[in-house]
C-alpha atoms as a PDB file:
ATOM      1  CA  MET A   1      -2.329 -11.371 -22.533  1.00  0.00           C
ATOM      2  CA  ILE A   2       0.302 -10.438 -19.974  1.00  0.00           C
ATOM      3  CA  MET A   3       3.497  -8.761 -20.995  1.00  0.00           C
ATOM      4  CA  ILE A   4       6.146  -7.945 -18.418  1.00  0.00           C
ATOM      5  CA  ILE A   5       8.415  -5.452 -20.122  1.00  0.00           C
ATOM      6  CA  ASP A   6      10.757  -4.571 -17.313  1.00  0.00           C
ATOM      7  CA  ILE A   7      11.463  -5.482 -13.747  1.00  0.00           C
ATOM      8  CA  PRO A   8      12.541  -2.482 -11.662  1.00  0.00           C
ATOM      9  CA  SER A   9      16.108  -2.187 -10.526  1.00  0.00           C
ATOM     10  CA  ILE A  10      17.406  -1.483  -7.053  1.00  0.00           C
ATOM     11  CA  SER A  11      18.194   2.074  -8.173  1.00  0.00           C
ATOM     12  CA  ASP A  12      14.507   2.854  -8.822  1.00  0.00           C
ATOM     13  CA  ARG A  13      13.901   6.108  -6.889  1.00  0.00           C
ATOM     14  CA  ARG A  14      10.223   5.469  -6.280  1.00  0.00           C
ATOM     15  CA  GLN A  15       9.021   4.325  -2.871  1.00  0.00           C
ATOM     16  CA  THR A  16       7.525   1.249  -4.475  1.00  0.00           C
ATOM     17  CA  PRO A  17       8.734  -0.114  -7.809  1.00  0.00           C
ATOM     18  CA  ARG A  18       6.507  -0.103 -10.854  1.00  0.00           C
ATOM     19  CA  TYR A  19       6.037  -3.276 -12.834  1.00  0.00           C
ATOM     20  CA  GLU A  20       5.296  -2.680 -16.500  1.00  0.00           C
ATOM     21  CA  VAL A  21       2.414  -4.970 -17.325  1.00  0.00           C
ATOM     22  CA  THR A  22      -0.282  -4.851 -19.985  1.00  0.00           C
ATOM     23  CA  LEU A  23      -3.625  -5.977 -18.588  1.00  0.00           C
ATOM     24  CA  PRO A  24      -7.249  -5.119 -19.344  1.00  0.00           C
ATOM     25  CA  VAL A  25      -8.787  -2.846 -16.712  1.00  0.00           C
ATOM     26  CA  GLU A  26     -12.416  -1.919 -16.198  1.00  0.00           C
ATOM     27  CA  MET A  27     -12.894   1.604 -14.871  1.00  0.00           C
ATOM     28  CA  ILE A  28     -16.214   2.231 -13.148  1.00  0.00           C
ATOM     29  CA  LEU A  29     -17.079   5.916 -12.991  1.00  0.00           C
ATOM     30  CA  GLU A  30     -19.215   7.635 -10.349  1.00  0.00           C
ATOM     31  CA  ILE A  31     -22.100   7.704 -12.833  1.00  0.00           C
ATOM     32  CA  ASP A  32     -21.775   3.898 -13.206  1.00  0.00           C
ATOM     33  CA  ASP A  33     -20.351   4.003 -16.726  1.00  0.00           C
ATOM     34  CA  ILE A  34     -17.868   1.181 -17.289  1.00  0.00           C
ATOM     35  CA  LEU A  35     -14.882   1.907 -19.512  1.00  0.00           C
ATOM     36  CA  SER A  36     -12.451  -0.724 -20.798  1.00  0.00           C
ATOM     37  CA  VAL A  37      -8.856   0.505 -20.745  1.00  0.00           C
ATOM     38  CA  THR A  38      -5.361  -1.024 -20.592  1.00  0.00           C
ATOM     39  CA  SER A  39      -2.758  -0.859 -17.848  1.00  0.00           C
ATOM     40  CA  ARG A  40       0.807   0.248 -18.552  1.00  0.00           C
ATOM     41  CA  ASN A  41       2.225  -0.457 -15.113  1.00  0.00           C
ATOM     42  CA  ILE A  42       1.256  -1.219 -11.556  1.00  0.00           C
ATOM     43  CA  SER A  43       2.768  -0.783  -8.097  1.00  0.00           C
ATOM     44  CA  ASN A  44       1.652  -1.094  -4.476  1.00  0.00           C
ATOM     45  CA  CYS A  45       0.520   2.531  -4.651  1.00  0.00           C
ATOM     46  CA  GLY A  46      -1.278   2.761  -7.950  1.00  0.00           C
ATOM     47  CA  LEU A  47      -1.919   1.946 -11.549  1.00  0.00           C
ATOM     48  CA  GLN A  48      -1.019   3.685 -14.780  1.00  0.00           C
ATOM     49  CA  ILE A  49      -3.464   3.225 -17.633  1.00  0.00           C
ATOM     50  CA  ILE A  50      -3.658   4.186 -21.261  1.00  0.00           C
ATOM     51  CA  CYS A  51      -6.964   5.222 -22.789  1.00  0.00           C
ATOM     52  CA  ASP A  52      -8.413   7.096 -25.735  1.00  0.00           C
ATOM     53  CA  ALA A  53      -9.968  10.556 -25.872  1.00  0.00           C
ATOM     54  CA  TRP A  54     -13.486   9.091 -25.754  1.00  0.00           C
ATOM     55  CA  ALA A  55     -12.752   7.580 -22.329  1.00  0.00           C
ATOM     56  CA  THR A  56     -11.304  10.844 -20.995  1.00  0.00           C
ATOM     57  CA  GLU A  57     -14.433  12.700 -22.149  1.00  0.00           C
ATOM     58  CA  LYS A  58     -16.540  10.238 -20.134  1.00  0.00           C
ATOM     59  CA  ILE A  59     -14.330  10.826 -17.080  1.00  0.00           C
ATOM     60  CA  GLU A  60     -14.409  14.639 -17.360  1.00  0.00           C
ATOM     61  CA  PRO A  61     -16.758  15.981 -20.077  1.00  0.00           C
ATOM     62  CA  ARG A  62     -15.416  19.548 -19.713  1.00  0.00           C
ATOM     63  CA  GLY A  63     -11.896  18.440 -20.661  1.00  0.00           C
ATOM     64  CA  ILE A  64      -9.610  16.254 -18.602  1.00  0.00           C
ATOM     65  CA  GLN A  65      -6.573  18.491 -19.081  1.00  0.00           C
ATOM     66  CA  SER A  66      -8.304  21.838 -18.610  1.00  0.00           C
ATOM     67  CA  HIS A  67     -10.221  21.202 -15.380  1.00  0.00           C
ATOM     68  CA  ALA A  68      -9.340  19.977 -11.904  1.00  0.00           C
ATOM     69  CA  ILE A  69      -9.316  16.186 -11.682  1.00  0.00           C
ATOM     70  CA  ASP A  70      -8.191  15.511  -8.105  1.00  0.00           C
ATOM     71  CA  HIS A  71     -11.820  15.210  -6.939  1.00  0.00           C
ATOM     72  CA  ILE A  72     -12.651  12.446  -9.420  1.00  0.00           C
ATOM     73  CA  ARG A  73     -12.962   8.988  -7.892  1.00  0.00           C
ATOM     74  CA  ILE A  74     -12.830   5.842  -9.992  1.00  0.00           C
ATOM     75  CA  LYS A  75     -13.250   2.168  -9.192  1.00  0.00           C
ATOM     76  CA  THR A  76     -11.129  -0.310 -11.109  1.00  0.00           C
ATOM     77  CA  VAL A  77     -11.395  -4.032 -11.607  1.00  0.00           C
ATOM     78  CA  THR A  78      -8.261  -5.729 -12.886  1.00  0.00           C
ATOM     79  CA  GLU A  79      -7.730  -9.439 -13.411  1.00  0.00           C
ATOM     80  CA  LEU A  80      -4.269 -10.307 -12.133  1.00  0.00           C
ATOM     81  CA  PRO A  81      -2.510 -13.588 -12.892  1.00  0.00           C
ATOM     82  CA  VAL A  82      -1.602 -15.112  -9.535  1.00  0.00           C
ATOM     83  CA  GLY A  83       0.122 -18.466  -9.753  1.00  0.00           C
ATOM     84  CA  ASN A  84      -1.853 -20.612 -12.188  1.00  0.00           C
ATOM     85  CA  GLU A  85      -5.099 -18.688 -11.823  1.00  0.00           C
ATOM     86  CA  THR A  86      -6.554 -15.234 -12.341  1.00  0.00           C
ATOM     87  CA  LYS A  87      -7.835 -13.198  -9.407  1.00  0.00           C
ATOM     88  CA  LYS A  88      -9.628  -9.866  -9.412  1.00  0.00           C
ATOM     89  CA  LEU A  89      -8.220  -6.712  -7.862  1.00  0.00           C
ATOM     90  CA  TYR A  90     -11.015  -4.339  -6.812  1.00  0.00           C
ATOM     91  CA  SER A  91      -9.622  -0.893  -6.112  1.00  0.00           C
ATOM     92  CA  ASN A  92     -10.874   2.615  -5.483  1.00  0.00           C
ATOM     93  CA  CYS A  93      -8.639   5.257  -7.017  1.00  0.00           C
ATOM     94  CA  ARG A  94      -8.170   8.945  -7.511  1.00  0.00           C
ATOM     95  CA  ILE A  95      -6.551  10.508 -10.558  1.00  0.00           C
ATOM     96  CA  LEU A  96      -3.112  11.934  -9.802  1.00  0.00           C
ATOM     97  CA  SER A  97      -2.245  13.205 -13.259  1.00  0.00           C
ATOM     98  CA  VAL A  98      -3.062  13.014 -16.957  1.00  0.00           C
ATOM     99  CA  GLN A  99      -0.627  13.117 -19.838  1.00  0.00           C
ATOM    100  CA  ARG A 100      -1.627  13.375 -23.487  1.00  0.00           C
ATOM    101  CA  ILE A 101       0.675  11.208 -25.598  1.00  0.00           C
ATOM    102  CA  SER A 102      -0.968  11.594 -29.019  1.00  0.00           C
ATOM    103  CA  GLN A 103      -4.018  13.116 -30.673  1.00  0.00           C
ATOM    104  CA  ASP A 104      -6.269  10.393 -29.255  1.00  0.00           C
ATOM    105  CA  LYS A 105      -4.241   8.686 -26.459  1.00  0.00           C
ATOM    106  CA  TYR A 106      -3.800   9.617 -22.822  1.00  0.00           C
ATOM    107  CA  ILE A 107      -1.942   8.206 -19.835  1.00  0.00           C
ATOM    108  CA  LEU A 108      -3.725   8.433 -16.487  1.00  0.00           C
ATOM    109  CA  ASN A 109      -1.871   7.927 -13.232  1.00  0.00           C
ATOM    110  CA  LEU A 110      -4.230   6.510 -10.626  1.00  0.00           C
ATOM    111  CA  ALA A 111      -3.470   6.249  -6.902  1.00  0.00           C
ATOM    112  CA  PHE A 112      -5.093   3.469  -4.921  1.00  0.00           C
ATOM    113  CA  THR A 113      -7.168   4.892  -2.057  1.00  0.00           C
ATOM    114  CA  ASP A 114      -8.517   1.575  -0.816  1.00  0.00           C
ATOM    115  CA  PHE A 115      -9.449  -1.949  -1.844  1.00  0.00           C
ATOM    116  CA  GLU A 116     -12.626  -4.004  -1.791  1.00  0.00           C
ATOM    117  CA  ASN A 117     -13.131  -7.713  -1.024  1.00  0.00           C
ATOM    118  CA  ASP A 118      -9.704  -7.984   0.651  1.00  0.00           C
ATOM    119  CA  SER A 119      -8.170  -7.785  -2.812  1.00  0.00           C
ATOM    120  CA  GLU A 120      -5.131  -5.875  -1.552  1.00  0.00           C
ATOM    121  CA  GLN A 121      -3.753  -9.328  -0.775  1.00  0.00           C
ATOM    122  CA  VAL A 122      -4.237 -10.275  -4.439  1.00  0.00           C
ATOM    123  CA  LEU A 123      -2.124  -7.261  -5.436  1.00  0.00           C
ATOM    124  CA  ASP A 124       0.582  -8.131  -2.882  1.00  0.00           C
ATOM    125  CA  THR A 125       0.767 -11.717  -4.139  1.00  0.00           C
ATOM    126  CA  PHE A 126       0.886 -10.563  -7.767  1.00  0.00           C
ATOM    127  CA  LEU A 127       3.712  -8.106  -7.074  1.00  0.00           C
ATOM    128  CA  ASP A 128       5.610 -10.654  -4.954  1.00  0.00           C
ATOM    129  CA  GLN A 129       5.681 -13.007  -7.956  1.00  0.00           C
ATOM    130  CA  TYR A 130       7.636 -10.455  -9.960  1.00  0.00           C
ATOM    131  CA  GLU A 131       9.886  -9.541  -7.040  1.00  0.00           C
ATOM    132  CA  GLN A 132      10.766 -13.243  -6.813  1.00  0.00           C
ATOM    133  CA  LYS A 133      11.479 -13.344 -10.554  1.00  0.00           C
ATOM    134  CA  LYS A 134      13.794 -10.352 -10.106  1.00  0.00           C
ATOM    135  CA  ILE A 135      15.721 -12.150  -7.354  1.00  0.00           C
ATOM    136  CA  VAL A 136      16.031 -15.324  -9.454  1.00  0.00           C
ATOM    137  CA  ILE A 137      17.206 -13.363 -12.500  1.00  0.00           C
ATOM    138  CA  SER A 138      19.779 -11.455 -10.406  1.00  0.00           C
ATOM    139  CA  ALA A 139      21.069 -14.659  -8.818  1.00  0.00           C
ATOM    140  CA  THR A 140      21.593 -16.325 -12.189  1.00  0.00           C
ATOM    141  CA  ALA A 141      23.077 -13.313 -13.993  1.00  0.00           C
END
């Protein structure tokens, strides 16, 4: 299920706008564990995910908020709707930050470091779709 909650405005201060989208994401850890999580938003630069405490313990068993995380590398596989089909985005990421939002829920901000299988083009096409929707909405408003 895809849910676009908001399309960024021109006044967004970020270098690249975030698109709030709920998609399933597979995180592949260095030890080859695969964790199923959910995206909150995506941009050209990275991905924000939401996960439970169990997933964070797999990522950093000593405590994700009490130990350095900038060395942790994660692969992600995300199925992005592009046109009338679904294409996979294969990305390598590093964790920028972690925010605890409840007793058992965390937000992880992941920065893309590179892409596999030329899937950066899949991301560009996906994001262009929503940029086009923004232009159409603005033109009709």
